[in-house]
Amino acid sequence: MGNSPSSSYNSSTLSKSGVRRPKSVNHYLQDHVYSMLRQCMYQLPFPPNAVTENAVQKMAMAVERVEVIESQFVLLKGARSKGIYIIIEGEAQVLSSHGDIIANLLPGDFFGELSTLFFIPCTASVQALEGTRLLLVKNDKLRQAMGEERVVSVGLEDYFVRRKYFDTNGSVHQATNLAKIAKIDLRKIPMFTKWHEGAMKYLLDAVSPDSEVGPVTLVPPKTFLCHETEGLDEITVITKGIVSVIHEKKVVTELDANYWPIWFGEQEFFTGRRATVSIQTITACQAVVIKFADIEADKSKASLFHFNLCLLVACALTLNGYWPHKVGNQSTFAFPKAKTELT
């Protein structure tokens, strides 16, 4: 049959909703699809060592394939999910009640696990775009594969923080969870690593004066966060999402904050020099925006020596044409060649 994606979608039927489903779910998964399933299983909040290769193999034989012919909602807020969906090709969008994009889901991402594992209604609607292909791990199949180990090992709020989920349903205390997410990522940035708890709390309170909102802001796709020709009065920390780094109308590189935070603005804060690149969101992003004035007001509460030293290092790297990002477990600095000409 070959290795073309379409060859594994035989024996299928087209439903009225526009989704084609195979009649038989007992099939072989291609290596990259099996890897996505395996990665999803190991990221779910099961107890340590609960997920075994045997369980993954059982799921591989039991998953259903779903092909989205036309863009449609796969999950509806307030309804129950049929199981856990894994994107193997295409894209899905997590939407608020007003239709705003909360997150863009790409191949390897999964959704529906909150309803499936925590026994709650879906906290947001998810729309799969035309041509998207999914794996569906149904509730009963997951129960059969995992047995008694299907019980989750973390609470709902902790899982929201771990996954950096933006709640629109009131399932958790949004402001508290966003503050936890912000603090975890700020601690990964050199200039904030050694700030003590009191100083960090003061800063996050200044960023989010409204105690019901929290310090993290949703930024829509294709939004310019800074321009290389304009001055800044704030440091922006991207905690989730993908952005383009642009120099002279050319895309220099793309950075993914889902694995390590992205930050910019420290060069101008410390040296007064304007940014040398523009930053534009590719997907919906979550960002913490910190005004220079709030940092100045809070510096006395932090470790000043470490604060200034880290700023000097960060600015020196930036001024010399390096851009920080995360590879594996090591922080590296690189400034790749331009790869795309903007029109």
C-alpha atoms as a PDB file:
ATOM      1  CA  MET A   1       0.000   0.000   0.000  1.00  0.00           C
ATOM      2  CA  GLY A   2       2.970   2.378   0.405  1.00  0.00           C
ATOM      3  CA  ASN A   3       3.597   5.027   3.036  1.00  0.00           C
ATOM      4  CA  SER A   4       1.363   7.821   1.752  1.00  0.00           C
ATOM      5  CA  PRO A   5      -0.949   9.227   4.463  1.00  0.00           C
ATOM      6  CA  SER A   6      -4.037   8.541   2.399  1.00  0.00           C
ATOM      7  CA  SER A   7      -3.272   4.837   2.073  1.00  0.00           C
ATOM      8  CA  SER A   8      -4.014   4.217   5.755  1.00  0.00           C
ATOM      9  CA  TYR A   9      -7.468   5.777   5.579  1.00  0.00           C
ATOM     10  CA  ASN A  10      -9.156   3.057   3.565  1.00  0.00           C
ATOM     11  CA  SER A  11     -12.398   1.367   4.653  1.00  0.00           C
ATOM     12  CA  SER A  12     -13.825   4.692   5.740  1.00  0.00           C
ATOM     13  CA  THR A  13     -17.233   6.287   5.800  1.00  0.00           C
ATOM     14  CA  LEU A  14     -18.221   9.937   5.536  1.00  0.00           C
ATOM     15  CA  SER A  15     -20.531  11.179   8.260  1.00  0.00           C
ATOM     16  CA  LYS A  16     -23.019  14.013   7.915  1.00  0.00           C
ATOM     17  CA  SER A  17     -20.732  16.139  10.069  1.00  0.00           C
ATOM     18  CA  GLY A  18     -17.957  15.920   7.471  1.00  0.00           C
ATOM     19  CA  VAL A  19     -15.708  13.511   9.376  1.00  0.00           C
ATOM     20  CA  ARG A  20     -14.511  10.330   7.707  1.00  0.00           C
ATOM     21  CA  ARG A  21     -13.962   7.467  10.133  1.00  0.00           C
ATOM     22  CA  PRO A  22     -12.515   4.018   9.445  1.00  0.00           C
ATOM     23  CA  LYS A  23     -14.776   1.017   9.973  1.00  0.00           C
ATOM     24  CA  SER A  24     -11.891  -0.965  11.425  1.00  0.00           C
ATOM     25  CA  VAL A  25      -9.682   0.494  14.141  1.00  0.00           C
ATOM     26  CA  ASN A  26      -7.329  -2.490  14.303  1.00  0.00           C
ATOM     27  CA  HIS A  27      -4.560  -1.133  12.101  1.00  0.00           C
ATOM     28  CA  TYR A  28      -0.857  -0.458  11.986  1.00  0.00           C
ATOM     29  CA  LEU A  29       0.409   3.022  12.824  1.00  0.00           C
ATOM     30  CA  GLN A  30       3.261   4.598  10.917  1.00  0.00           C
ATOM     31  CA  ASP A  31       6.339   5.233  13.037  1.00  0.00           C
ATOM     32  CA  HIS A  32       5.889   9.003  13.347  1.00  0.00           C
ATOM     33  CA  VAL A  33       2.202   8.571  14.277  1.00  0.00           C
ATOM     34  CA  TYR A  34       3.033   5.906  16.852  1.00  0.00           C
ATOM     35  CA  SER A  35       5.645   8.284  18.286  1.00  0.00           C
ATOM     36  CA  MET A  36       2.997  11.013  18.684  1.00  0.00           C
ATOM     37  CA  LEU A  37       0.676   8.593  20.475  1.00  0.00           C
ATOM     38  CA  ARG A  38       3.473   7.459  22.745  1.00  0.00           C
ATOM     39  CA  GLN A  39       4.515  11.014  23.565  1.00  0.00           C
ATOM     40  CA  CYS A  40       0.925  11.930  24.390  1.00  0.00           C
ATOM     41  CA  MET A  41       0.509   8.955  26.709  1.00  0.00           C
ATOM     42  CA  TYR A  42       3.666   9.825  28.637  1.00  0.00           C
ATOM     43  CA  GLN A  43       2.576  13.465  29.036  1.00  0.00           C
ATOM     44  CA  LEU A  44      -0.778  12.598  30.569  1.00  0.00           C
ATOM     45  CA  PRO A  45      -1.026  13.067  34.360  1.00  0.00           C
ATOM     46  CA  PHE A  46      -0.781   9.401  35.309  1.00  0.00           C
ATOM     47  CA  PRO A  47       1.281   8.179  38.299  1.00  0.00           C
ATOM     48  CA  PRO A  48       5.012   7.580  37.702  1.00  0.00           C
ATOM     49  CA  ASN A  49       5.707   4.385  35.728  1.00  0.00           C
ATOM     50  CA  ALA A  50       1.997   3.882  35.080  1.00  0.00           C
ATOM     51  CA  VAL A  51       2.394   4.235  31.325  1.00  0.00           C
ATOM     52  CA  THR A  52       4.204   1.222  29.891  1.00  0.00           C
ATOM     53  CA  GLU A  53       5.174   0.264  26.371  1.00  0.00           C
ATOM     54  CA  ASN A  54       2.602  -2.509  26.577  1.00  0.00           C
ATOM     55  CA  ALA A  55      -0.126   0.061  27.311  1.00  0.00           C
ATOM     56  CA  VAL A  56       1.020   2.224  24.394  1.00  0.00           C
ATOM     57  CA  GLN A  57       0.951  -0.781  22.073  1.00  0.00           C
ATOM     58  CA  LYS A  58      -2.578  -1.625  23.195  1.00  0.00           C
ATOM     59  CA  MET A  59      -3.666   1.940  22.465  1.00  0.00           C
ATOM     60  CA  ALA A  60      -1.979   1.830  19.055  1.00  0.00           C
ATOM     61  CA  MET A  61      -4.217  -1.110  18.143  1.00  0.00           C
ATOM     62  CA  ALA A  62      -7.349   0.545  19.514  1.00  0.00           C
ATOM     63  CA  VAL A  63      -7.180   4.182  18.385  1.00  0.00           C
ATOM     64  CA  GLU A  64      -9.585   5.527  15.802  1.00  0.00           C
ATOM     65  CA  ARG A  65      -8.516   7.771  12.973  1.00  0.00           C
ATOM     66  CA  VAL A  66     -10.495  10.917  12.249  1.00  0.00           C
ATOM     67  CA  GLU A  67     -10.121  12.949   9.071  1.00  0.00           C
ATOM     68  CA  VAL A  68     -11.690  16.393   9.001  1.00  0.00           C
ATOM     69  CA  ILE A  69     -13.016  17.130   5.520  1.00  0.00           C
ATOM     70  CA  GLU A  70     -14.275  20.636   6.326  1.00  0.00           C
ATOM     71  CA  SER A  71     -13.411  22.866   9.282  1.00  0.00           C
ATOM     72  CA  GLN A  72     -15.639  21.939  12.203  1.00  0.00           C
ATOM     73  CA  PHE A  73     -15.876  21.781  15.969  1.00  0.00           C
ATOM     74  CA  VAL A  74     -14.519  18.567  17.445  1.00  0.00           C
ATOM     75  CA  LEU A  75     -15.099  19.650  21.052  1.00  0.00           C
ATOM     76  CA  LEU A  76     -17.788  21.973  22.365  1.00  0.00           C
ATOM     77  CA  LYS A  77     -17.437  23.886  25.606  1.00  0.00           C
ATOM     78  CA  GLY A  78     -19.676  22.398  28.280  1.00  0.00           C
ATOM     79  CA  ALA A  79     -20.037  19.035  26.512  1.00  0.00           C
ATOM     80  CA  ARG A  80     -18.203  15.805  27.247  1.00  0.00           C
ATOM     81  CA  SER A  81     -15.343  14.617  25.091  1.00  0.00           C
ATOM     82  CA  LYS A  82     -15.428  11.167  23.482  1.00  0.00           C
ATOM     83  CA  GLY A  83     -11.806  10.777  24.449  1.00  0.00           C
ATOM     84  CA  ILE A  84      -8.378  12.254  23.822  1.00  0.00           C
ATOM     85  CA  TYR A  85      -7.607  13.630  20.368  1.00  0.00           C
ATOM     86  CA  ILE A  86      -4.045  13.787  19.004  1.00  0.00           C
ATOM     87  CA  ILE A  87      -3.248  15.897  15.954  1.00  0.00           C
ATOM     88  CA  ILE A  88      -1.151  13.979  13.434  1.00  0.00           C
ATOM     89  CA  GLU A  89      -1.530  16.428  10.559  1.00  0.00           C
ATOM     90  CA  GLY A  90      -3.051  19.883  10.193  1.00  0.00           C
ATOM     91  CA  GLU A  91      -4.159  22.319  12.868  1.00  0.00           C
ATOM     92  CA  ALA A  92      -6.881  22.905  15.441  1.00  0.00           C
ATOM     93  CA  GLN A  93      -7.828  26.060  17.311  1.00  0.00           C
ATOM     94  CA  VAL A  94      -8.914  26.359  20.925  1.00  0.00           C
ATOM     95  CA  LEU A  95     -11.604  29.046  21.009  1.00  0.00           C
ATOM     96  CA  SER A  96     -13.170  31.165  23.710  1.00  0.00           C
ATOM     97  CA  SER A  97     -16.925  31.692  23.996  1.00  0.00           C
ATOM     98  CA  HIS A  98     -16.480  34.869  21.927  1.00  0.00           C
ATOM     99  CA  GLY A  99     -14.610  33.038  19.176  1.00  0.00           C
ATOM    100  CA  ASP A 100     -11.156  34.355  20.077  1.00  0.00           C
ATOM    101  CA  ILE A 101      -8.238  31.986  19.522  1.00  0.00           C
ATOM    102  CA  ILE A 102      -6.806  30.872  22.867  1.00  0.00           C
ATOM    103  CA  ALA A 103      -4.266  28.442  21.400  1.00  0.00           C
ATOM    104  CA  ASN A 104      -3.226  26.931  18.087  1.00  0.00           C
ATOM    105  CA  LEU A 105      -2.722  23.158  18.215  1.00  0.00           C
ATOM    106  CA  LEU A 106      -0.266  21.578  15.799  1.00  0.00           C
ATOM    107  CA  PRO A 107       0.881  18.007  14.993  1.00  0.00           C
ATOM    108  CA  GLY A 108       1.825  16.207  18.196  1.00  0.00           C
ATOM    109  CA  ASP A 109      -0.495  18.329  20.350  1.00  0.00           C
ATOM    110  CA  PHE A 110      -3.499  16.735  22.045  1.00  0.00           C
ATOM    111  CA  PHE A 111      -6.784  17.873  23.580  1.00  0.00           C
ATOM    112  CA  GLY A 112      -9.860  16.437  25.286  1.00  0.00           C
ATOM    113  CA  GLU A 113      -7.867  14.975  28.166  1.00  0.00           C
ATOM    114  CA  LEU A 114      -9.391  17.329  30.763  1.00  0.00           C
ATOM    115  CA  SER A 115     -12.888  15.982  30.173  1.00  0.00           C
ATOM    116  CA  THR A 116     -11.633  12.408  29.805  1.00  0.00           C
ATOM    117  CA  LEU A 117      -9.328  12.185  32.819  1.00  0.00           C
ATOM    118  CA  PHE A 118     -10.835  14.701  35.247  1.00  0.00           C
ATOM    119  CA  PHE A 119     -14.481  13.860  34.432  1.00  0.00           C
ATOM    120  CA  ILE A 120     -15.497  17.461  33.755  1.00  0.00           C
ATOM    121  CA  PRO A 121     -17.222  19.125  30.794  1.00  0.00           C
ATOM    122  CA  CYS A 122     -14.921  20.524  28.124  1.00  0.00           C
ATOM    123  CA  THR A 123     -13.517  23.859  29.286  1.00  0.00           C
ATOM    124  CA  ALA A 124     -13.276  25.303  25.752  1.00  0.00           C
ATOM    125  CA  SER A 125     -14.364  24.565  22.200  1.00  0.00           C
ATOM    126  CA  VAL A 126     -11.846  23.155  19.729  1.00  0.00           C
ATOM    127  CA  GLN A 127     -12.213  23.621  15.983  1.00  0.00           C
ATOM    128  CA  ALA A 128     -10.214  21.410  13.628  1.00  0.00           C
ATOM    129  CA  LEU A 129      -9.327  23.033  10.326  1.00  0.00           C
ATOM    130  CA  GLU A 130      -9.910  21.518   6.898  1.00  0.00           C
ATOM    131  CA  GLY A 131      -7.609  18.609   6.100  1.00  0.00           C
ATOM    132  CA  THR A 132      -6.670  17.913   9.713  1.00  0.00           C
ATOM    133  CA  ARG A 133      -6.075  14.280  10.676  1.00  0.00           C
ATOM    134  CA  LEU A 134      -6.500  13.098  14.240  1.00  0.00           C
ATOM    135  CA  LEU A 135      -6.149  10.028  16.395  1.00  0.00           C
ATOM    136  CA  LEU A 136      -8.968   9.449  18.872  1.00  0.00           C
ATOM    137  CA  VAL A 137      -8.210   7.566  22.082  1.00  0.00           C
ATOM    138  CA  LYS A 138     -11.692   6.684  23.311  1.00  0.00           C
ATOM    139  CA  ASN A 139     -12.517   6.574  27.001  1.00  0.00           C
ATOM    140  CA  ASP A 140     -13.263   2.869  27.133  1.00  0.00           C
ATOM    141  CA  LYS A 141     -10.130   1.949  25.159  1.00  0.00           C
ATOM    142  CA  LEU A 142      -7.980   4.055  27.446  1.00  0.00           C
ATOM    143  CA  ARG A 143      -9.544   2.340  30.455  1.00  0.00           C
ATOM    144  CA  GLN A 144      -8.796  -1.078  28.996  1.00  0.00           C
ATOM    145  CA  ALA A 145      -5.182  -0.188  28.206  1.00  0.00           C
ATOM    146  CA  MET A 146      -4.380   1.525  31.510  1.00  0.00           C
ATOM    147  CA  GLY A 147      -6.538  -0.507  33.890  1.00  0.00           C
ATOM    148  CA  GLU A 148      -6.412   0.715  37.480  1.00  0.00           C
ATOM    149  CA  GLU A 149      -3.518   3.052  36.624  1.00  0.00           C
ATOM    150  CA  ARG A 150      -5.919   5.377  34.796  1.00  0.00           C
ATOM    151  CA  VAL A 151      -6.319   7.490  37.959  1.00  0.00           C
ATOM    152  CA  VAL A 152      -4.567  10.856  37.596  1.00  0.00           C
ATOM    153  CA  SER A 153      -1.772  11.763  40.005  1.00  0.00           C
ATOM    154  CA  VAL A 154      -2.128  15.568  40.046  1.00  0.00           C
ATOM    155  CA  GLY A 155      -4.925  17.989  40.793  1.00  0.00           C
ATOM    156  CA  LEU A 156      -6.725  19.944  38.100  1.00  0.00           C
ATOM    157  CA  GLU A 157      -5.105  23.286  39.019  1.00  0.00           C
ATOM    158  CA  ASP A 158      -1.589  21.832  38.995  1.00  0.00           C
ATOM    159  CA  TYR A 159      -2.251  20.254  35.613  1.00  0.00           C
ATOM    160  CA  PHE A 160      -3.428  23.604  34.220  1.00  0.00           C
ATOM    161  CA  VAL A 161      -0.140  25.130  35.370  1.00  0.00           C
ATOM    162  CA  ARG A 162       1.926  22.260  33.948  1.00  0.00           C
ATOM    163  CA  ARG A 163       0.253  22.545  30.555  1.00  0.00           C
ATOM    164  CA  LYS A 164       0.008  26.377  30.668  1.00  0.00           C
ATOM    165  CA  TYR A 165      -3.712  26.199  29.959  1.00  0.00           C
ATOM    166  CA  PHE A 166      -5.737  29.396  29.799  1.00  0.00           C
ATOM    167  CA  ASP A 167      -9.033  28.731  31.562  1.00  0.00           C
ATOM    168  CA  THR A 168     -12.204  30.357  30.216  1.00  0.00           C
ATOM    169  CA  ASN A 169     -14.641  28.144  32.081  1.00  0.00           C
ATOM    170  CA  GLY A 170     -14.046  28.931  35.754  1.00  0.00           C
ATOM    171  CA  SER A 171     -12.691  25.432  36.369  1.00  0.00           C
ATOM    172  CA  VAL A 172      -9.727  26.869  38.289  1.00  0.00           C
ATOM    173  CA  HIS A 173      -8.846  30.226  39.818  1.00  0.00           C
ATOM    174  CA  GLN A 174      -7.485  31.826  36.678  1.00  0.00           C
ATOM    175  CA  ALA A 175      -5.454  34.665  38.223  1.00  0.00           C
ATOM    176  CA  THR A 176      -3.722  32.373  40.721  1.00  0.00           C
ATOM    177  CA  ASN A 177      -2.797  29.823  38.079  1.00  0.00           C
ATOM    178  CA  LEU A 178      -1.534  32.437  35.631  1.00  0.00           C
ATOM    179  CA  ALA A 179       0.630  33.935  38.378  1.00  0.00           C
ATOM    180  CA  LYS A 180       2.168  30.496  38.977  1.00  0.00           C
ATOM    181  CA  ILE A 181       2.845  30.059  35.267  1.00  0.00           C
ATOM    182  CA  ALA A 182       4.391  33.523  35.048  1.00  0.00           C
ATOM    183  CA  LYS A 183       6.620  32.985  38.081  1.00  0.00           C
ATOM    184  CA  ILE A 184       7.895  29.616  36.851  1.00  0.00           C
ATOM    185  CA  ASP A 185       8.907  31.076  33.492  1.00  0.00           C
ATOM    186  CA  LEU A 186      10.343  34.297  34.919  1.00  0.00           C
ATOM    187  CA  ARG A 187      12.605  32.165  37.120  1.00  0.00           C
ATOM    188  CA  LYS A 188      14.074  30.655  33.942  1.00  0.00           C
ATOM    189  CA  ILE A 189      15.227  34.069  32.720  1.00  0.00           C
ATOM    190  CA  PRO A 190      18.701  35.197  33.949  1.00  0.00           C
ATOM    191  CA  MET A 191      17.622  38.660  35.063  1.00  0.00           C
ATOM    192  CA  PHE A 192      14.903  37.266  37.366  1.00  0.00           C
ATOM    193  CA  THR A 193      16.472  33.990  38.521  1.00  0.00           C
ATOM    194  CA  LYS A 194      17.660  35.204  41.919  1.00  0.00           C
ATOM    195  CA  TRP A 195      14.823  37.533  42.781  1.00  0.00           C
ATOM    196  CA  HIS A 196      13.438  36.586  46.176  1.00  0.00           C
ATOM    197  CA  GLU A 197       9.769  35.737  46.661  1.00  0.00           C
ATOM    198  CA  GLY A 198       8.753  39.150  47.982  1.00  0.00           C
ATOM    199  CA  ALA A 199      10.245  40.997  45.024  1.00  0.00           C
ATOM    200  CA  MET A 200       8.723  38.567  42.531  1.00  0.00           C
ATOM    201  CA  LYS A 201       5.288  38.908  44.117  1.00  0.00           C
ATOM    202  CA  TYR A 202       5.581  42.702  44.038  1.00  0.00           C
ATOM    203  CA  LEU A 203       6.468  42.588  40.335  1.00  0.00           C
ATOM    204  CA  LEU A 204       3.642  40.228  39.379  1.00  0.00           C
ATOM    205  CA  ASP A 205       1.159  42.316  41.380  1.00  0.00           C
ATOM    206  CA  ALA A 206       2.329  45.396  39.486  1.00  0.00           C
ATOM    207  CA  VAL A 207       1.909  43.582  36.163  1.00  0.00           C
ATOM    208  CA  SER A 208      -1.641  42.533  37.055  1.00  0.00           C
ATOM    209  CA  PRO A 209      -3.282  45.135  39.301  1.00  0.00           C
ATOM    210  CA  ASP A 210      -6.630  43.404  38.728  1.00  0.00           C
ATOM    211  CA  SER A 211      -6.501  40.368  41.038  1.00  0.00           C
ATOM    212  CA  GLU A 212      -9.126  38.574  38.959  1.00  0.00           C
ATOM    213  CA  VAL A 213      -7.197  38.745  35.669  1.00  0.00           C
ATOM    214  CA  GLY A 214      -3.665  37.593  36.408  1.00  0.00           C
ATOM    215  CA  PRO A 215      -0.327  38.628  34.869  1.00  0.00           C
ATOM    216  CA  VAL A 216      -0.561  36.658  31.605  1.00  0.00           C
ATOM    217  CA  THR A 217      -2.086  38.255  28.513  1.00  0.00           C
ATOM    218  CA  LEU A 218      -3.442  36.480  25.419  1.00  0.00           C
ATOM    219  CA  VAL A 219      -1.940  37.784  22.161  1.00  0.00           C
ATOM    220  CA  PRO A 220      -3.655  36.906  18.842  1.00  0.00           C
ATOM    221  CA  PRO A 221      -1.757  35.376  15.911  1.00  0.00           C
ATOM    222  CA  LYS A 222       0.039  37.713  13.469  1.00  0.00           C
ATOM    223  CA  THR A 223       0.464  40.446  16.084  1.00  0.00           C
ATOM    224  CA  PHE A 224       3.650  42.527  16.144  1.00  0.00           C
ATOM    225  CA  LEU A 225       4.949  42.676  19.706  1.00  0.00           C
ATOM    226  CA  CYS A 226       7.789  45.015  18.822  1.00  0.00           C
ATOM    227  CA  HIS A 227       9.265  46.747  15.760  1.00  0.00           C
ATOM    228  CA  GLU A 228      12.957  47.228  15.171  1.00  0.00           C
ATOM    229  CA  THR A 229      12.318  50.871  14.300  1.00  0.00           C
ATOM    230  CA  GLU A 230      10.364  51.708  17.451  1.00  0.00           C
ATOM    231  CA  GLY A 231      11.374  52.193  21.062  1.00  0.00           C
ATOM    232  CA  LEU A 232      10.168  50.029  23.953  1.00  0.00           C
ATOM    233  CA  ASP A 233       9.196  50.807  27.511  1.00  0.00           C
ATOM    234  CA  GLU A 234       8.606  47.223  28.594  1.00  0.00           C
ATOM    235  CA  ILE A 235      10.102  43.748  28.730  1.00  0.00           C
ATOM    236  CA  THR A 236       7.896  41.040  27.212  1.00  0.00           C
ATOM    237  CA  VAL A 237       8.142  37.385  28.220  1.00  0.00           C
ATOM    238  CA  ILE A 238       6.366  34.885  25.947  1.00  0.00           C
ATOM    239  CA  THR A 239       5.334  31.875  28.043  1.00  0.00           C
ATOM    240  CA  LYS A 240       3.494  29.922  25.353  1.00  0.00           C
ATOM    241  CA  GLY A 241       3.223  30.064  21.580  1.00  0.00           C
ATOM    242  CA  ILE A 242       5.426  30.509  18.519  1.00  0.00           C
ATOM    243  CA  VAL A 243       6.863  33.789  17.212  1.00  0.00           C
ATOM    244  CA  SER A 244       8.883  34.994  14.210  1.00  0.00           C
ATOM    245  CA  VAL A 245      12.071  37.024  14.634  1.00  0.00           C
ATOM    246  CA  ILE A 246      12.258  39.511  11.765  1.00  0.00           C
ATOM    247  CA  HIS A 247      15.158  41.697  10.634  1.00  0.00           C
ATOM    248  CA  GLU A 248      14.834  44.104   7.718  1.00  0.00           C
ATOM    249  CA  LYS A 249      11.584  42.438   6.599  1.00  0.00           C
ATOM    250  CA  LYS A 250      13.169  38.990   6.534  1.00  0.00           C
ATOM    251  CA  VAL A 251      12.183  36.162   8.878  1.00  0.00           C
ATOM    252  CA  VAL A 252      15.426  35.276  10.647  1.00  0.00           C
ATOM    253  CA  THR A 253      14.074  32.393  12.708  1.00  0.00           C
ATOM    254  CA  GLU A 254      11.052  31.049  14.554  1.00  0.00           C
ATOM    255  CA  LEU A 255      11.083  30.501  18.310  1.00  0.00           C
ATOM    256  CA  ASP A 256       8.810  28.188  20.303  1.00  0.00           C
ATOM    257  CA  ALA A 257       7.976  29.258  23.847  1.00  0.00           C
ATOM    258  CA  ASN A 258       6.180  26.010  24.620  1.00  0.00           C
ATOM    259  CA  TYR A 259       9.521  24.543  25.704  1.00  0.00           C
ATOM    260  CA  TRP A 260      11.379  27.605  26.989  1.00  0.00           C
ATOM    261  CA  PRO A 261      10.255  31.209  27.495  1.00  0.00           C
ATOM    262  CA  ILE A 262      11.177  33.904  24.972  1.00  0.00           C
ATOM    263  CA  TRP A 263      11.950  37.401  26.192  1.00  0.00           C
ATOM    264  CA  PHE A 264      12.947  40.736  24.692  1.00  0.00           C
ATOM    265  CA  GLY A 265      13.222  44.390  25.712  1.00  0.00           C
ATOM    266  CA  GLU A 266      16.091  44.015  28.190  1.00  0.00           C
ATOM    267  CA  GLN A 267      18.554  45.589  25.733  1.00  0.00           C
ATOM    268  CA  GLU A 268      16.674  48.874  25.655  1.00  0.00           C
ATOM    269  CA  PHE A 269      15.968  48.757  29.386  1.00  0.00           C
ATOM    270  CA  PHE A 270      19.640  48.557  30.257  1.00  0.00           C
ATOM    271  CA  THR A 271      21.395  50.427  27.425  1.00  0.00           C
ATOM    272  CA  GLY A 272      18.706  52.643  25.941  1.00  0.00           C
ATOM    273  CA  ARG A 273      19.398  51.171  22.492  1.00  0.00           C
ATOM    274  CA  ARG A 274      16.411  50.209  20.405  1.00  0.00           C
ATOM    275  CA  ALA A 275      15.665  46.631  19.413  1.00  0.00           C
ATOM    276  CA  THR A 276      17.470  45.330  16.334  1.00  0.00           C
ATOM    277  CA  VAL A 277      14.670  42.933  15.355  1.00  0.00           C
ATOM    278  CA  SER A 278      10.893  42.798  15.173  1.00  0.00           C
ATOM    279  CA  ILE A 279       8.844  40.091  16.888  1.00  0.00           C
ATOM    280  CA  GLN A 280       5.564  38.830  15.406  1.00  0.00           C
ATOM    281  CA  THR A 281       3.347  36.075  16.762  1.00  0.00           C
ATOM    282  CA  ILE A 282       2.706  33.106  14.475  1.00  0.00           C
ATOM    283  CA  THR A 283       0.233  31.376  16.771  1.00  0.00           C
ATOM    284  CA  ALA A 284      -1.820  32.704  19.642  1.00  0.00           C
ATOM    285  CA  CYS A 285       0.640  33.445  22.441  1.00  0.00           C
ATOM    286  CA  GLN A 286       0.600  34.008  26.161  1.00  0.00           C
ATOM    287  CA  ALA A 287       2.766  36.897  27.343  1.00  0.00           C
ATOM    288  CA  VAL A 288       3.825  38.669  30.530  1.00  0.00           C
ATOM    289  CA  VAL A 289       4.413  42.377  29.844  1.00  0.00           C
ATOM    290  CA  ILE A 290       6.575  44.137  32.431  1.00  0.00           C
ATOM    291  CA  LYS A 291       6.933  47.920  32.320  1.00  0.00           C
ATOM    292  CA  PHE A 292      10.422  49.334  32.832  1.00  0.00           C
ATOM    293  CA  ALA A 293       9.012  51.527  35.591  1.00  0.00           C
ATOM    294  CA  ASP A 294       7.781  48.489  37.527  1.00  0.00           C
ATOM    295  CA  ILE A 295      11.237  46.887  37.381  1.00  0.00           C
ATOM    296  CA  GLU A 296      12.902  50.102  38.502  1.00  0.00           C
ATOM    297  CA  ALA A 297      10.490  50.337  41.416  1.00  0.00           C
ATOM    298  CA  ASP A 298      11.182  46.741  42.379  1.00  0.00           C
ATOM    299  CA  LYS A 299      14.956  46.575  41.934  1.00  0.00           C
ATOM    300  CA  SER A 300      15.583  47.377  45.577  1.00  0.00           C
ATOM    301  CA  LYS A 301      13.674  44.241  46.520  1.00  0.00           C
ATOM    302  CA  ALA A 302      15.836  41.999  44.328  1.00  0.00           C
ATOM    303  CA  SER A 303      19.451  40.950  44.464  1.00  0.00           C
ATOM    304  CA  LEU A 304      20.943  44.014  42.736  1.00  0.00           C
ATOM    305  CA  PHE A 305      24.309  42.446  42.011  1.00  0.00           C
ATOM    306  CA  HIS A 306      22.807  39.465  40.242  1.00  0.00           C
ATOM    307  CA  PHE A 307      20.193  41.663  38.562  1.00  0.00           C
ATOM    308  CA  ASN A 308      22.787  43.977  36.986  1.00  0.00           C
ATOM    309  CA  LEU A 309      25.230  41.187  36.131  1.00  0.00           C
ATOM    310  CA  CYS A 310      22.574  39.173  34.296  1.00  0.00           C
ATOM    311  CA  LEU A 311      21.372  42.253  32.428  1.00  0.00           C
ATOM    312  CA  LEU A 312      24.930  43.024  31.330  1.00  0.00           C
ATOM    313  CA  VAL A 313      25.404  39.487  30.024  1.00  0.00           C
ATOM    314  CA  ALA A 314      22.022  39.429  28.260  1.00  0.00           C
ATOM    315  CA  CYS A 315      22.586  42.816  26.626  1.00  0.00           C
ATOM    316  CA  ALA A 316      26.134  41.959  25.563  1.00  0.00           C
ATOM    317  CA  LEU A 317      24.859  38.824  23.836  1.00  0.00           C
ATOM    318  CA  THR A 318      22.008  40.705  22.174  1.00  0.00           C
ATOM    319  CA  LEU A 319      24.222  43.559  20.996  1.00  0.00           C
ATOM    320  CA  ASN A 320      26.611  41.080  19.415  1.00  0.00           C
ATOM    321  CA  GLY A 321      23.879  39.500  17.309  1.00  0.00           C
ATOM    322  CA  TYR A 322      22.888  36.512  19.411  1.00  0.00           C
ATOM    323  CA  TRP A 323      19.377  35.414  20.282  1.00  0.00           C
ATOM    324  CA  PRO A 324      18.640  33.158  23.269  1.00  0.00           C
ATOM    325  CA  HIS A 325      16.627  29.979  22.872  1.00  0.00           C
ATOM    326  CA  LYS A 326      16.413  26.490  24.355  1.00  0.00           C
ATOM    327  CA  VAL A 327      17.765  23.291  22.797  1.00  0.00           C
ATOM    328  CA  GLY A 328      17.267  20.134  24.846  1.00  0.00           C
ATOM    329  CA  ASN A 329      18.387  20.835  28.380  1.00  0.00           C
ATOM    330  CA  GLN A 330      20.956  23.476  27.424  1.00  0.00           C
ATOM    331  CA  SER A 331      20.508  27.206  26.870  1.00  0.00           C
ATOM    332  CA  THR A 332      22.229  28.190  23.637  1.00  0.00           C
ATOM    333  CA  PHE A 333      22.552  31.367  21.631  1.00  0.00           C
ATOM    334  CA  ALA A 334      22.272  31.579  17.883  1.00  0.00           C
ATOM    335  CA  PHE A 335      21.353  34.007  15.120  1.00  0.00           C
ATOM    336  CA  PRO A 336      20.405  31.868  12.084  1.00  0.00           C
ATOM    337  CA  LYS A 337      20.517  33.160   8.545  1.00  0.00           C
ATOM    338  CA  ALA A 338      17.424  34.699   7.013  1.00  0.00           C
ATOM    339  CA  LYS A 339      15.179  32.064   5.489  1.00  0.00           C
ATOM    340  CA  THR A 340      12.066  33.874   4.279  1.00  0.00           C
ATOM    341  CA  GLU A 341      11.467  37.159   2.498  1.00  0.00           C
ATOM    342  CA  LEU A 342       8.384  38.985   3.718  1.00  0.00           C
ATOM    343  CA  THR A 343       6.061  40.437   1.135  1.00  0.00           C
END
